[in-house]
PDB file of N, CA and C in Angstrom:
ATOM      1  N   UNK A   1    -125.671 100.974 -82.264  1.00  0.00           N
ATOM      2  CA  UNK A   1    -126.193 101.437 -80.410  1.00  0.00           C
ATOM      3  C   UNK A   1    -125.228 102.004 -79.739  1.00  0.00           C
ATOM      4  N   UNK A   2    -124.067 102.200 -80.492  1.00  0.00           N
ATOM      5  CA  UNK A   2    -122.980 103.431 -79.335  1.00  0.00           C
ATOM      6  C   UNK A   2    -123.492 104.865 -79.501  1.00  0.00           C
ATOM      7  N   UNK A   3    -124.099 105.038 -80.736  1.00  0.00           N
ATOM      8  CA  UNK A   3    -124.572 106.677 -81.000  1.00  0.00           C
ATOM      9  C   UNK A   3    -125.822 106.464 -79.793  1.00  0.00           C
ATOM     10  N   UNK A   4    -126.879 105.712 -80.258  1.00  0.00           N
ATOM     11  CA  UNK A   4    -128.042 105.512 -79.227  1.00  0.00           C
ATOM     12  C   UNK A   4    -127.583 105.696 -77.906  1.00  0.00           C
ATOM     13  N   UNK A   5    -126.864 104.955 -77.183  1.00  0.00           N
ATOM     14  CA  UNK A   5    -126.212 105.192 -76.088  1.00  0.00           C
ATOM     15  C   UNK A   5    -125.562 106.200 -75.360  1.00  0.00           C
ATOM     16  N   UNK A   6    -124.865 106.843 -76.153  1.00  0.00           N
ATOM     17  CA  UNK A   6    -124.339 108.130 -76.073  1.00  0.00           C
ATOM     18  C   UNK A   6    -125.055 109.053 -75.878  1.00  0.00           C
ATOM     19  N   UNK A   7    -126.644 109.028 -76.835  1.00  0.00           N
ATOM     20  CA  UNK A   7    -127.521 110.173 -76.369  1.00  0.00           C
ATOM     21  C   UNK A   7    -128.480 110.027 -75.565  1.00  0.00           C
ATOM     22  N   UNK A   8    -128.944 108.557 -75.533  1.00  0.00           N
ATOM     23  CA  UNK A   8    -129.544 108.497 -74.215  1.00  0.00           C
ATOM     24  C   UNK A   8    -129.526 108.863 -72.718  1.00  0.00           C
ATOM     25  N   UNK A   9    -128.490 107.407 -73.097  1.00  0.00           N
ATOM     26  CA  UNK A   9    -127.592 107.721 -71.810  1.00  0.00           C
ATOM     27  C   UNK A   9    -127.090 108.641 -70.817  1.00  0.00           C
ATOM     28  N   UNK A  10    -126.123 109.312 -71.901  1.00  0.00           N
ATOM     29  CA  UNK A  10    -125.086 110.514 -71.582  1.00  0.00           C
ATOM     30  C   UNK A  10    -125.850 111.361 -71.582  1.00  0.00           C
ATOM     31  N   UNK A  11    -126.156 111.653 -72.410  1.00  0.00           N
ATOM     32  CA  UNK A  11    -126.822 113.204 -72.512  1.00  0.00           C
ATOM     33  C   UNK A  11    -128.162 113.162 -72.228  1.00  0.00           C
ATOM     34  N   UNK A  12    -129.180 112.375 -72.037  1.00  0.00           N
ATOM     35  CA  UNK A  12    -130.181 112.479 -71.563  1.00  0.00           C
ATOM     36  C   UNK A  12    -131.331 113.010 -72.662  1.00  0.00           C
ATOM     37  N   UNK A  13    -130.804 112.886 -74.337  1.00  0.00           N
ATOM     38  CA  UNK A  13    -131.212 112.944 -75.329  1.00  0.00           C
ATOM     39  C   UNK A  13    -132.409 111.907 -76.002  1.00  0.00           C
ATOM     40  N   UNK A  14    -133.250 112.270 -76.334  1.00  0.00           N
ATOM     41  CA  UNK A  14    -134.241 110.988 -76.343  1.00  0.00           C
ATOM     42  C   UNK A  14    -136.007 112.135 -77.508  1.00  0.00           C
ATOM     43  N   UNK A  15    -136.218 111.467 -77.884  1.00  0.00           N
ATOM     44  CA  UNK A  15    -137.543 111.696 -79.185  1.00  0.00           C
ATOM     45  C   UNK A  15    -136.939 112.989 -80.019  1.00  0.00           C
ATOM     46  N   UNK A  16    -137.467 113.586 -80.156  1.00  0.00           N
ATOM     47  CA  UNK A  16    -137.362 114.659 -81.564  1.00  0.00           C
ATOM     48  C   UNK A  16    -135.464 115.296 -81.457  1.00  0.00           C
ATOM     49  N   UNK A  17    -135.035 115.606 -79.802  1.00  0.00           N
ATOM     50  CA  UNK A  17    -133.914 115.725 -79.658  1.00  0.00           C
ATOM     51  C   UNK A  17    -132.525 114.588 -80.359  1.00  0.00           C
ATOM     52  N   UNK A  18    -133.590 113.369 -79.663  1.00  0.00           N
ATOM     53  CA  UNK A  18    -132.243 112.093 -80.215  1.00  0.00           C
ATOM     54  C   UNK A  18    -132.187 112.142 -81.471  1.00  0.00           C
ATOM     55  N   UNK A  19    -133.526 112.533 -82.526  1.00  0.00           N
ATOM     56  CA  UNK A  19    -133.493 112.146 -83.759  1.00  0.00           C
ATOM     57  C   UNK A  19    -132.788 113.435 -84.368  1.00  0.00           C
ATOM     58  N   UNK A  20    -132.893 114.818 -84.228  1.00  0.00           N
ATOM     59  CA  UNK A  20    -132.103 115.877 -84.605  1.00  0.00           C
ATOM     60  C   UNK A  20    -130.495 115.334 -84.284  1.00  0.00           C
ATOM     61  N   UNK A  21    -129.904 114.944 -83.065  1.00  0.00           N
ATOM     62  CA  UNK A  21    -128.635 114.389 -82.586  1.00  0.00           C
ATOM     63  C   UNK A  21    -128.114 113.474 -83.612  1.00  0.00           C
ATOM     64  N   UNK A  22    -128.841 112.124 -84.334  1.00  0.00           N
ATOM     65  CA  UNK A  22    -128.127 110.857 -84.412  1.00  0.00           C
ATOM     66  C   UNK A  22    -128.639 110.966 -86.020  1.00  0.00           C
ATOM     67  N   UNK A  23    -129.668 111.590 -86.452  1.00  0.00           N
ATOM     68  CA  UNK A  23    -129.823 111.705 -87.837  1.00  0.00           C
ATOM     69  C   UNK A  23    -130.081 113.036 -88.670  1.00  0.00           C
ATOM     70  N   UNK A  24    -130.771 113.935 -88.101  1.00  0.00           N
ATOM     71  CA  UNK A  24    -130.397 115.473 -89.000  1.00  0.00           C
ATOM     72  C   UNK A  24    -129.185 115.833 -89.098  1.00  0.00           C
ATOM     73  N   UNK A  25    -128.571 116.005 -88.003  1.00  0.00           N
ATOM     74  CA  UNK A  25    -127.254 116.950 -87.897  1.00  0.00           C
ATOM     75  C   UNK A  25    -125.970 116.268 -88.785  1.00  0.00           C
ATOM     76  N   UNK A  26    -126.025 114.945 -88.684  1.00  0.00           N
ATOM     77  CA  UNK A  26    -124.760 114.151 -89.758  1.00  0.00           C
ATOM     78  C   UNK A  26    -125.804 114.334 -91.022  1.00  0.00           C
ATOM     79  N   UNK A  27    -126.447 114.397 -91.219  1.00  0.00           N
ATOM     80  CA  UNK A  27    -127.119 114.532 -92.652  1.00  0.00           C
ATOM     81  C   UNK A  27    -126.718 115.826 -93.321  1.00  0.00           C
ATOM     82  N   UNK A  28    -127.086 116.586 -92.056  1.00  0.00           N
ATOM     83  CA  UNK A  28    -126.845 117.965 -92.814  1.00  0.00           C
ATOM     84  C   UNK A  28    -125.241 118.232 -93.004  1.00  0.00           C
ATOM     85  N   UNK A  29    -124.477 117.630 -92.173  1.00  0.00           N
ATOM     86  CA  UNK A  29    -122.821 117.956 -92.141  1.00  0.00           C
ATOM     87  C   UNK A  29    -122.833 117.413 -93.392  1.00  0.00           C
ATOM     88  N   UNK A  30    -123.076 115.987 -93.862  1.00  0.00           N
ATOM     89  CA  UNK A  30    -122.385 115.498 -94.996  1.00  0.00           C
ATOM     90  C   UNK A  30    -123.021 115.902 -96.199  1.00  0.00           C
ATOM     91  N   UNK A  31    -123.907 116.921 -96.175  1.00  0.00           N
ATOM     92  CA  UNK A  31    -124.513 117.119 -97.422  1.00  0.00           C
ATOM     93  C   UNK A  31    -125.680 116.413 -98.568  1.00  0.00           C
ATOM     94  N   UNK A  32    -126.559 115.708 -97.343  1.00  0.00           N
ATOM     95  CA  UNK A  32    -127.382 114.824 -97.563  1.00  0.00           C
ATOM     96  C   UNK A  32    -128.425 115.497 -97.324  1.00  0.00           C
ATOM     97  N   UNK A  33    -129.122 116.273 -96.379  1.00  0.00           N
ATOM     98  CA  UNK A  33    -129.763 116.520 -95.310  1.00  0.00           C
ATOM     99  C   UNK A  33    -131.597 116.552 -96.584  1.00  0.00           C
ATOM    100  N   UNK A  34    -130.894 117.380 -97.677  1.00  0.00           N
ATOM    101  CA  UNK A  34    -132.451 117.249 -98.413  1.00  0.00           C
ATOM    102  C   UNK A  34    -133.172 115.752 -98.476  1.00  0.00           C
ATOM    103  N   UNK A  35    -131.800 114.745 -98.368  1.00  0.00           N
ATOM    104  CA  UNK A  35    -132.799 113.579 -98.965  1.00  0.00           C
ATOM    105  C   UNK A  35    -132.853 112.144 -97.685  1.00  0.00           C
ATOM    106  N   UNK A  36    -132.024 112.851 -96.477  1.00  0.00           N
ATOM    107  CA  UNK A  36    -131.634 111.839 -95.660  1.00  0.00           C
ATOM    108  C   UNK A  36    -131.972 112.635 -94.183  1.00  0.00           C
ATOM    109  N   UNK A  37    -131.846 112.058 -93.190  1.00  0.00           N
ATOM    110  CA  UNK A  37    -131.804 112.844 -91.526  1.00  0.00           C
ATOM    111  C   UNK A  37    -133.243 112.888 -90.950  1.00  0.00           C
ATOM    112  N   UNK A  38    -134.351 113.217 -92.047  1.00  0.00           N
ATOM    113  CA  UNK A  38    -135.552 113.648 -91.100  1.00  0.00           C
ATOM    114  C   UNK A  38    -136.509 112.469 -91.343  1.00  0.00           C
ATOM    115  N   UNK A  39    -137.779 113.052 -90.911  1.00  0.00           N
ATOM    116  CA  UNK A  39    -139.060 112.758 -91.810  1.00  0.00           C
ATOM    117  C   UNK A  39    -140.444 113.673 -91.853  1.00  0.00           C
ATOM    118  N   UNK A  40    -140.388 113.710 -93.586  1.00  0.00           N
ATOM    119  CA  UNK A  40    -140.929 114.998 -94.048  1.00  0.00           C
ATOM    120  C   UNK A  40    -141.113 114.573 -95.412  1.00  0.00           C
ATOM    121  N   UNK A  41    -141.991 115.233 -96.023  1.00  0.00           N
ATOM    122  CA  UNK A  41    -142.452 114.874 -97.634  1.00  0.00           C
ATOM    123  C   UNK A  41    -141.355 115.406 -98.479  1.00  0.00           C
ATOM    124  N   UNK A  42    -140.939 114.023 -98.861  1.00  0.00           N
ATOM    125  CA  UNK A  42    -139.777 114.645-100.012  1.00  0.00           C
ATOM    126  C   UNK A  42    -138.303 113.191 -99.895  1.00  0.00           C
ATOM    127  N   UNK A  43    -137.910 114.047 -98.450  1.00  0.00           N
ATOM    128  CA  UNK A  43    -136.992 113.004 -98.190  1.00  0.00           C
ATOM    129  C   UNK A  43    -137.097 111.593 -98.155  1.00  0.00           C
ATOM    130  N   UNK A  44    -136.534 110.746 -98.633  1.00  0.00           N
ATOM    131  CA  UNK A  44    -136.078 108.979 -98.518  1.00  0.00           C
ATOM    132  C   UNK A  44    -136.866 108.758 -96.974  1.00  0.00           C
ATOM    133  N   UNK A  45    -137.557 107.973 -96.761  1.00  0.00           N
ATOM    134  CA  UNK A  45    -138.195 106.997 -95.620  1.00  0.00           C
ATOM    135  C   UNK A  45    -137.851 105.857 -94.945  1.00  0.00           C
ATOM    136  N   UNK A  46    -136.474 106.490 -94.711  1.00  0.00           N
ATOM    137  CA  UNK A  46    -135.475 105.392 -93.692  1.00  0.00           C
ATOM    138  C   UNK A  46    -135.439 105.573 -92.050  1.00  0.00           C
ATOM    139  N   UNK A  47    -135.890 104.408 -91.347  1.00  0.00           N
ATOM    140  CA  UNK A  47    -136.388 104.591 -90.173  1.00  0.00           C
ATOM    141  C   UNK A  47    -135.748 103.195 -89.413  1.00  0.00           C
ATOM    142  N   UNK A  48    -135.360 103.690 -88.404  1.00  0.00           N
ATOM    143  CA  UNK A  48    -135.554 102.552 -87.449  1.00  0.00           C
ATOM    144  C   UNK A  48    -135.920 102.276 -86.341  1.00  0.00           C
ATOM    145  N   UNK A  49    -136.553 101.710 -86.232  1.00  0.00           N
ATOM    146  CA  UNK A  49    -137.532 101.162 -85.088  1.00  0.00           C
ATOM    147  C   UNK A  49    -136.755 100.970 -83.856  1.00  0.00           C
ATOM    148  N   UNK A  50    -136.734 101.607 -82.530  1.00  0.00           N
ATOM    149  CA  UNK A  50    -136.026 100.932 -81.316  1.00  0.00           C
ATOM    150  C   UNK A  50    -136.400 100.475 -80.001  1.00  0.00           C
ATOM    151  N   UNK A  51    -136.393  99.620 -79.244  1.00  0.00           N
ATOM    152  CA  UNK A  51    -137.013 100.067 -77.707  1.00  0.00           C
ATOM    153  C   UNK A  51    -135.809 100.354 -76.924  1.00  0.00           C
ATOM    154  N   UNK A  52    -135.967 101.554 -76.691  1.00  0.00           N
ATOM    155  CA  UNK A  52    -135.494 102.374 -75.933  1.00  0.00           C
ATOM    156  C   UNK A  52    -134.668 101.751 -74.641  1.00  0.00           C
ATOM    157  N   UNK A  53    -135.240 100.487 -74.225  1.00  0.00           N
ATOM    158  CA  UNK A  53    -135.872 100.153 -72.519  1.00  0.00           C
ATOM    159  C   UNK A  53    -135.243  98.683 -72.421  1.00  0.00           C
ATOM    160  N   UNK A  54    -134.420  98.443 -73.966  1.00  0.00           N
ATOM    161  CA  UNK A  54    -133.860  96.913 -74.129  1.00  0.00           C
ATOM    162  C   UNK A  54    -132.653  96.723 -73.578  1.00  0.00           C
ATOM    163  N   UNK A  55    -131.949  96.063 -72.558  1.00  0.00           N
ATOM    164  CA  UNK A  55    -130.427  96.074 -72.288  1.00  0.00           C
ATOM    165  C   UNK A  55    -129.622  94.964 -72.226  1.00  0.00           C
ATOM    166  N   UNK A  56    -128.643  95.113 -72.683  1.00  0.00           N
ATOM    167  CA  UNK A  56    -127.835  93.949 -73.248  1.00  0.00           C
ATOM    168  C   UNK A  56    -126.429  94.327 -73.514  1.00  0.00           C
ATOM    169  N   UNK A  57    -125.333  93.452 -73.991  1.00  0.00           N
ATOM    170  CA  UNK A  57    -124.191  93.644 -74.357  1.00  0.00           C
ATOM    171  C   UNK A  57    -123.966  93.392 -75.602  1.00  0.00           C
ATOM    172  N   UNK A  58    -123.322  94.513 -76.714  1.00  0.00           N
ATOM    173  CA  UNK A  58    -123.386  94.179 -78.101  1.00  0.00           C
ATOM    174  C   UNK A  58    -122.526  92.842 -78.092  1.00  0.00           C
ATOM    175  N   UNK A  59    -122.909  92.117 -78.787  1.00  0.00           N
ATOM    176  CA  UNK A  59    -121.972  91.046 -79.546  1.00  0.00           C
ATOM    177  C   UNK A  59    -122.266  91.190 -81.528  1.00  0.00           C
ATOM    178  N   UNK A  60    -120.756  91.146 -81.819  1.00  0.00           N
ATOM    179  CA  UNK A  60    -120.887  91.512 -83.472  1.00  0.00           C
ATOM    180  C   UNK A  60    -120.901  90.148 -83.913  1.00  0.00           C
ATOM    181  N   UNK A  61    -121.011  89.108 -83.189  1.00  0.00           N
ATOM    182  CA  UNK A  61    -121.009  87.706 -84.173  1.00  0.00           C
ATOM    183  C   UNK A  61    -122.871  87.402 -84.264  1.00  0.00           C
ATOM    184  N   UNK A  62    -123.625  88.391 -83.971  1.00  0.00           N
ATOM    185  CA  UNK A  62    -125.176  88.381 -84.736  1.00  0.00           C
ATOM    186  C   UNK A  62    -125.088  89.212 -85.490  1.00  0.00           C
ATOM    187  N   UNK A  63    -124.419  90.239 -85.491  1.00  0.00           N
ATOM    188  CA  UNK A  63    -124.845  91.265 -86.858  1.00  0.00           C
ATOM    189  C   UNK A  63    -125.214  90.709 -87.840  1.00  0.00           C
ATOM    190  N   UNK A  64    -125.688  91.078 -88.771  1.00  0.00           N
ATOM    191  CA  UNK A  64    -126.274  90.868 -89.929  1.00  0.00           C
ATOM    192  C   UNK A  64    -125.015  91.656 -91.407  1.00  0.00           C
ATOM    193  N   UNK A  65    -123.766  91.775 -91.184  1.00  0.00           N
ATOM    194  CA  UNK A  65    -123.298  92.569 -91.909  1.00  0.00           C
ATOM    195  C   UNK A  65    -122.316  91.505 -92.143  1.00  0.00           C
ATOM    196  N   UNK A  66    -121.070  91.772 -93.286  1.00  0.00           N
ATOM    197  CA  UNK A  66    -119.854  91.030 -93.312  1.00  0.00           C
ATOM    198  C   UNK A  66    -119.035  91.136 -92.224  1.00  0.00           C
ATOM    199  N   UNK A  67    -118.741  92.392 -92.119  1.00  0.00           N
ATOM    200  CA  UNK A  67    -118.080  92.789 -90.657  1.00  0.00           C
ATOM    201  C   UNK A  67    -118.056  92.162 -89.706  1.00  0.00           C
ATOM    202  N   UNK A  68    -117.191  90.958 -89.366  1.00  0.00           N
ATOM    203  CA  UNK A  68    -117.757  90.556 -87.722  1.00  0.00           C
ATOM    204  C   UNK A  68    -116.879  90.853 -86.419  1.00  0.00           C
ATOM    205  N   UNK A  69    -116.397  92.350 -86.562  1.00  0.00           N
ATOM    206  CA  UNK A  69    -115.440  92.958 -85.097  1.00  0.00           C
ATOM    207  C   UNK A  69    -116.615  94.245 -85.263  1.00  0.00           C
ATOM    208  N   UNK A  70    -116.727  94.862 -84.025  1.00  0.00           N
ATOM    209  CA  UNK A  70    -117.456  96.128 -83.538  1.00  0.00           C
ATOM    210  C   UNK A  70    -116.507  96.867 -82.402  1.00  0.00           C
ATOM    211  N   UNK A  71    -116.107  98.289 -82.912  1.00  0.00           N
ATOM    212  CA  UNK A  71    -115.414  98.874 -81.481  1.00  0.00           C
ATOM    213  C   UNK A  71    -116.687  98.900 -80.689  1.00  0.00           C
ATOM    214  N   UNK A  72    -118.196  98.318 -80.439  1.00  0.00           N
ATOM    215  CA  UNK A  72    -118.511  98.629 -79.475  1.00  0.00           C
ATOM    216  C   UNK A  72    -118.832  96.866 -78.782  1.00  0.00           C
ATOM    217  N   UNK A  73    -118.105  95.987 -79.264  1.00  0.00           N
ATOM    218  CA  UNK A  73    -118.288  94.790 -79.255  1.00  0.00           C
ATOM    219  C   UNK A  73    -118.258  94.739 -77.059  1.00  0.00           C
ATOM    220  N   UNK A  74    -118.888  93.817 -76.372  1.00  0.00           N
ATOM    221  CA  UNK A  74    -118.779  94.005 -75.189  1.00  0.00           C
ATOM    222  C   UNK A  74    -119.307  94.728 -74.560  1.00  0.00           C
ATOM    223  N   UNK A  75    -119.395  96.049 -75.167  1.00  0.00           N
ATOM    224  CA  UNK A  75    -120.092  96.955 -73.867  1.00  0.00           C
ATOM    225  C   UNK A  75    -121.391  96.706 -74.290  1.00  0.00           C
ATOM    226  N   UNK A  76    -121.465  97.527 -72.684  1.00  0.00           N
ATOM    227  CA  UNK A  76    -123.270  97.495 -72.382  1.00  0.00           C
ATOM    228  C   UNK A  76    -124.108  98.670 -72.319  1.00  0.00           C
ATOM    229  N   UNK A  77    -125.290  98.617 -72.718  1.00  0.00           N
ATOM    230  CA  UNK A  77    -125.941  99.717 -73.172  1.00  0.00           C
ATOM    231  C   UNK A  77    -127.364  99.246 -73.444  1.00  0.00           C
ATOM    232  N   UNK A  78    -127.798 100.170 -73.759  1.00  0.00           N
ATOM    233  CA  UNK A  78    -129.607 100.239 -73.808  1.00  0.00           C
ATOM    234  C   UNK A  78    -130.150 100.710 -75.214  1.00  0.00           C
ATOM    235  N   UNK A  79    -131.022  99.942 -76.022  1.00  0.00           N
ATOM    236  CA  UNK A  79    -131.596 100.749 -76.931  1.00  0.00           C
ATOM    237  C   UNK A  79    -131.328  99.370 -77.955  1.00  0.00           C
ATOM    238  N   UNK A  80    -132.315  98.783 -79.034  1.00  0.00           N
ATOM    239  CA  UNK A  80    -132.138  97.652 -79.858  1.00  0.00           C
ATOM    240  C   UNK A  80    -133.164  97.577 -80.856  1.00  0.00           C
ATOM    241  N   UNK A  81    -132.243  97.551 -82.211  1.00  0.00           N
ATOM    242  CA  UNK A  81    -133.032  97.929 -83.362  1.00  0.00           C
ATOM    243  C   UNK A  81    -134.077  96.996 -83.752  1.00  0.00           C
ATOM    244  N   UNK A  82    -135.480  97.529 -83.220  1.00  0.00           N
ATOM    245  CA  UNK A  82    -136.805  96.206 -83.898  1.00  0.00           C
ATOM    246  C   UNK A  82    -137.165  95.970 -85.376  1.00  0.00           C
ATOM    247  N   UNK A  83    -137.019  97.132 -85.826  1.00  0.00           N
ATOM    248  CA  UNK A  83    -137.251  97.268 -86.978  1.00  0.00           C
ATOM    249  C   UNK A  83    -136.891  98.324 -88.351  1.00  0.00           C
ATOM    250  N   UNK A  84    -136.362  97.949 -89.413  1.00  0.00           N
ATOM    251  CA  UNK A  84    -135.809  98.960 -90.165  1.00  0.00           C
ATOM    252  C   UNK A  84    -136.865  99.111 -91.379  1.00  0.00           C
ATOM    253  N   UNK A  85    -137.249 100.588 -91.462  1.00  0.00           N
ATOM    254  CA  UNK A  85    -137.753 100.736 -92.926  1.00  0.00           C
ATOM    255  C   UNK A  85    -136.618 101.756 -93.763  1.00  0.00           C
ATOM    256  N   UNK A  86    -136.850 101.269 -95.109  1.00  0.00           N
ATOM    257  CA  UNK A  86    -135.897 101.933 -96.102  1.00  0.00           C
ATOM    258  C   UNK A  86    -137.056 102.052 -97.277  1.00  0.00           C
ATOM    259  N   UNK A  87    -136.600 103.431 -97.460  1.00  0.00           N
ATOM    260  CA  UNK A  87    -137.936 104.233 -98.409  1.00  0.00           C
ATOM    261  C   UNK A  87    -139.131 103.373 -98.444  1.00  0.00           C
ATOM    262  N   UNK A  88    -139.348 102.931 -97.139  1.00  0.00           N
ATOM    263  CA  UNK A  88    -140.823 102.910 -97.304  1.00  0.00           C
ATOM    264  C   UNK A  88    -141.235 101.195 -97.134  1.00  0.00           C
ATOM    265  N   UNK A  89    -140.006 100.748 -96.815  1.00  0.00           N
ATOM    266  CA  UNK A  89    -140.511  99.106 -97.358  1.00  0.00           C
ATOM    267  C   UNK A  89    -139.541  98.729 -96.020  1.00  0.00           C
ATOM    268  N   UNK A  90    -139.748  97.712 -95.599  1.00  0.00           N
ATOM    269  CA  UNK A  90    -138.978  97.134 -94.148  1.00  0.00           C
ATOM    270  C   UNK A  90    -138.400  95.802 -94.703  1.00  0.00           C
ATOM    271  N   UNK A  91    -137.213  96.222 -94.216  1.00  0.00           N
ATOM    272  CA  UNK A  91    -135.888  95.157 -94.577  1.00  0.00           C
ATOM    273  C   UNK A  91    -135.608  94.606 -93.821  1.00  0.00           C
ATOM    274  N   UNK A  92    -136.058  94.760 -92.285  1.00  0.00           N
ATOM    275  CA  UNK A  92    -135.364  94.070 -91.082  1.00  0.00           C
ATOM    276  C   UNK A  92    -136.519  94.495 -89.992  1.00  0.00           C
ATOM    277  N   UNK A  93    -136.416  93.174 -89.880  1.00  0.00           N
ATOM    278  CA  UNK A  93    -137.725  93.062 -88.738  1.00  0.00           C
ATOM    279  C   UNK A  93    -137.556  91.392 -87.527  1.00  0.00           C
ATOM    280  N   UNK A  94    -137.699  91.325 -86.329  1.00  0.00           N
ATOM    281  CA  UNK A  94    -137.791  90.153 -85.902  1.00  0.00           C
ATOM    282  C   UNK A  94    -136.293  89.181 -85.910  1.00  0.00           C
ATOM    283  N   UNK A  95    -135.109  90.211 -86.111  1.00  0.00           N
ATOM    284  CA  UNK A  95    -134.182  89.954 -86.169  1.00  0.00           C
ATOM    285  C   UNK A  95    -133.733  89.108 -87.804  1.00  0.00           C
ATOM    286  N   UNK A  96    -134.266  88.954 -88.719  1.00  0.00           N
ATOM    287  CA  UNK A  96    -134.124  88.760 -89.800  1.00  0.00           C
ATOM    288  C   UNK A  96    -134.037  89.798 -91.192  1.00  0.00           C
ATOM    289  N   UNK A  97    -133.140  89.772 -92.063  1.00  0.00           N
ATOM    290  CA  UNK A  97    -133.256  90.487 -93.120  1.00  0.00           C
ATOM    291  C   UNK A  97    -133.982  90.289 -94.157  1.00  0.00           C
ATOM    292  N   UNK A  98    -134.626  91.186 -94.728  1.00  0.00           N
ATOM    293  CA  UNK A  98    -136.271  90.539 -95.334  1.00  0.00           C
ATOM    294  C   UNK A  98    -136.071  91.728 -96.659  1.00  0.00           C
ATOM    295  N   UNK A  99    -134.830  92.289 -96.840  1.00  0.00           N
ATOM    296  CA  UNK A  99    -134.470  92.935 -98.138  1.00  0.00           C
ATOM    297  C   UNK A  99    -133.608  92.257 -99.585  1.00  0.00           C
ATOM    298  N   UNK A 100    -133.652  93.012-100.646  1.00  0.00           N
ATOM    299  CA  UNK A 100    -132.902  92.016-101.679  1.00  0.00           C
ATOM    300  C   UNK A 100    -131.831  92.624-102.123  1.00  0.00           C
ATOM    301  N   UNK A 101    -130.922  91.684-102.871  1.00  0.00           N
ATOM    302  CA  UNK A 101    -130.066  92.237-103.303  1.00  0.00           C
ATOM    303  C   UNK A 101    -130.254  93.658-104.003  1.00  0.00           C
ATOM    304  N   UNK A 102    -129.443  94.594-104.020  1.00  0.00           N
ATOM    305  CA  UNK A 102    -129.956  96.203-104.986  1.00  0.00           C
ATOM    306  C   UNK A 102    -130.730  96.557-104.358  1.00  0.00           C
ATOM    307  N   UNK A 103    -131.820  96.188-103.185  1.00  0.00           N
ATOM    308  CA  UNK A 103    -132.549  97.418-102.594  1.00  0.00           C
ATOM    309  C   UNK A 103    -131.740  99.048-101.972  1.00  0.00           C
ATOM    310  N   UNK A 104    -130.554  98.367-101.611  1.00  0.00           N
ATOM    311  CA  UNK A 104    -130.083 100.034-101.451  1.00  0.00           C
ATOM    312  C   UNK A 104    -129.154 100.721-102.328  1.00  0.00           C
ATOM    313  N   UNK A 105    -129.461 102.067-102.172  1.00  0.00           N
ATOM    314  CA  UNK A 105    -128.808 102.996-103.394  1.00  0.00           C
ATOM    315  C   UNK A 105    -128.002 103.877-102.117  1.00  0.00           C
ATOM    316  N   UNK A 106    -126.486 103.970-103.353  1.00  0.00           N
ATOM    317  CA  UNK A 106    -125.360 104.862-103.129  1.00  0.00           C
ATOM    318  C   UNK A 106    -125.889 105.810-103.270  1.00  0.00           C
ATOM    319  N   UNK A 107    -125.423 106.531-102.249  1.00  0.00           N
ATOM    320  CA  UNK A 107    -125.756 108.547-102.035  1.00  0.00           C
ATOM    321  C   UNK A 107    -124.262 109.384-101.490  1.00  0.00           C
ATOM    322  N   UNK A 108    -123.815 109.667-102.660  1.00  0.00           N
ATOM    323  CA  UNK A 108    -123.040 110.393-102.614  1.00  0.00           C
ATOM    324  C   UNK A 108    -122.670 111.426-101.546  1.00  0.00           C
ATOM    325  N   UNK A 109    -121.469 111.637-100.462  1.00  0.00           N
ATOM    326  CA  UNK A 109    -121.547 112.612 -99.399  1.00  0.00           C
ATOM    327  C   UNK A 109    -120.240 113.835 -99.736  1.00  0.00           C
ATOM    328  N   UNK A 110    -120.499 114.857 -99.003  1.00  0.00           N
ATOM    329  CA  UNK A 110    -119.303 115.477 -98.727  1.00  0.00           C
ATOM    330  C   UNK A 110    -119.757 116.363 -97.529  1.00  0.00           C
ATOM    331  N   UNK A 111    -118.673 116.141 -97.078  1.00  0.00           N
ATOM    332  CA  UNK A 111    -118.409 116.514 -95.482  1.00  0.00           C
ATOM    333  C   UNK A 111    -118.136 117.824 -95.730  1.00  0.00           C
ATOM    334  N   UNK A 112    -119.123 118.433 -95.146  1.00  0.00           N
ATOM    335  CA  UNK A 112    -118.568 120.085 -94.648  1.00  0.00           C
ATOM    336  C   UNK A 112    -118.654 120.811 -93.356  1.00  0.00           C
ATOM    337  N   UNK A 113    -117.482 119.614 -92.520  1.00  0.00           N
ATOM    338  CA  UNK A 113    -116.719 120.730 -91.551  1.00  0.00           C
ATOM    339  C   UNK A 113    -117.356 120.335 -89.940  1.00  0.00           C
ATOM    340  N   UNK A 114    -116.933 120.308 -89.325  1.00  0.00           N
ATOM    341  CA  UNK A 114    -117.324 121.012 -87.790  1.00  0.00           C
ATOM    342  C   UNK A 114    -117.513 122.414 -87.578  1.00  0.00           C
TER     343      UNK A 114
END
């Protein structure tokens, strides 16, 4: 939510520009651009479908994560994740995790600097 808020609210970047800012550029910077960060033949089909008009305050207690804190706690913004697709399989929808242990893959990265 924090990165989306920055891109959409403060910079006015949406659509292809937002995808480049939030996915493609970081993937390239961390050396995984051939496998991540874009929708094309070859890279993993990892996508999050977002409702850009949903508004609210971030509440870490509702996160589906082991970490129950967030630097975004209580911050207001736009954008809500509706569905997450991992390598072509829906793993989150309607507020529920649908994945199985082991569905994720470790992807080693190498930071290429600013």
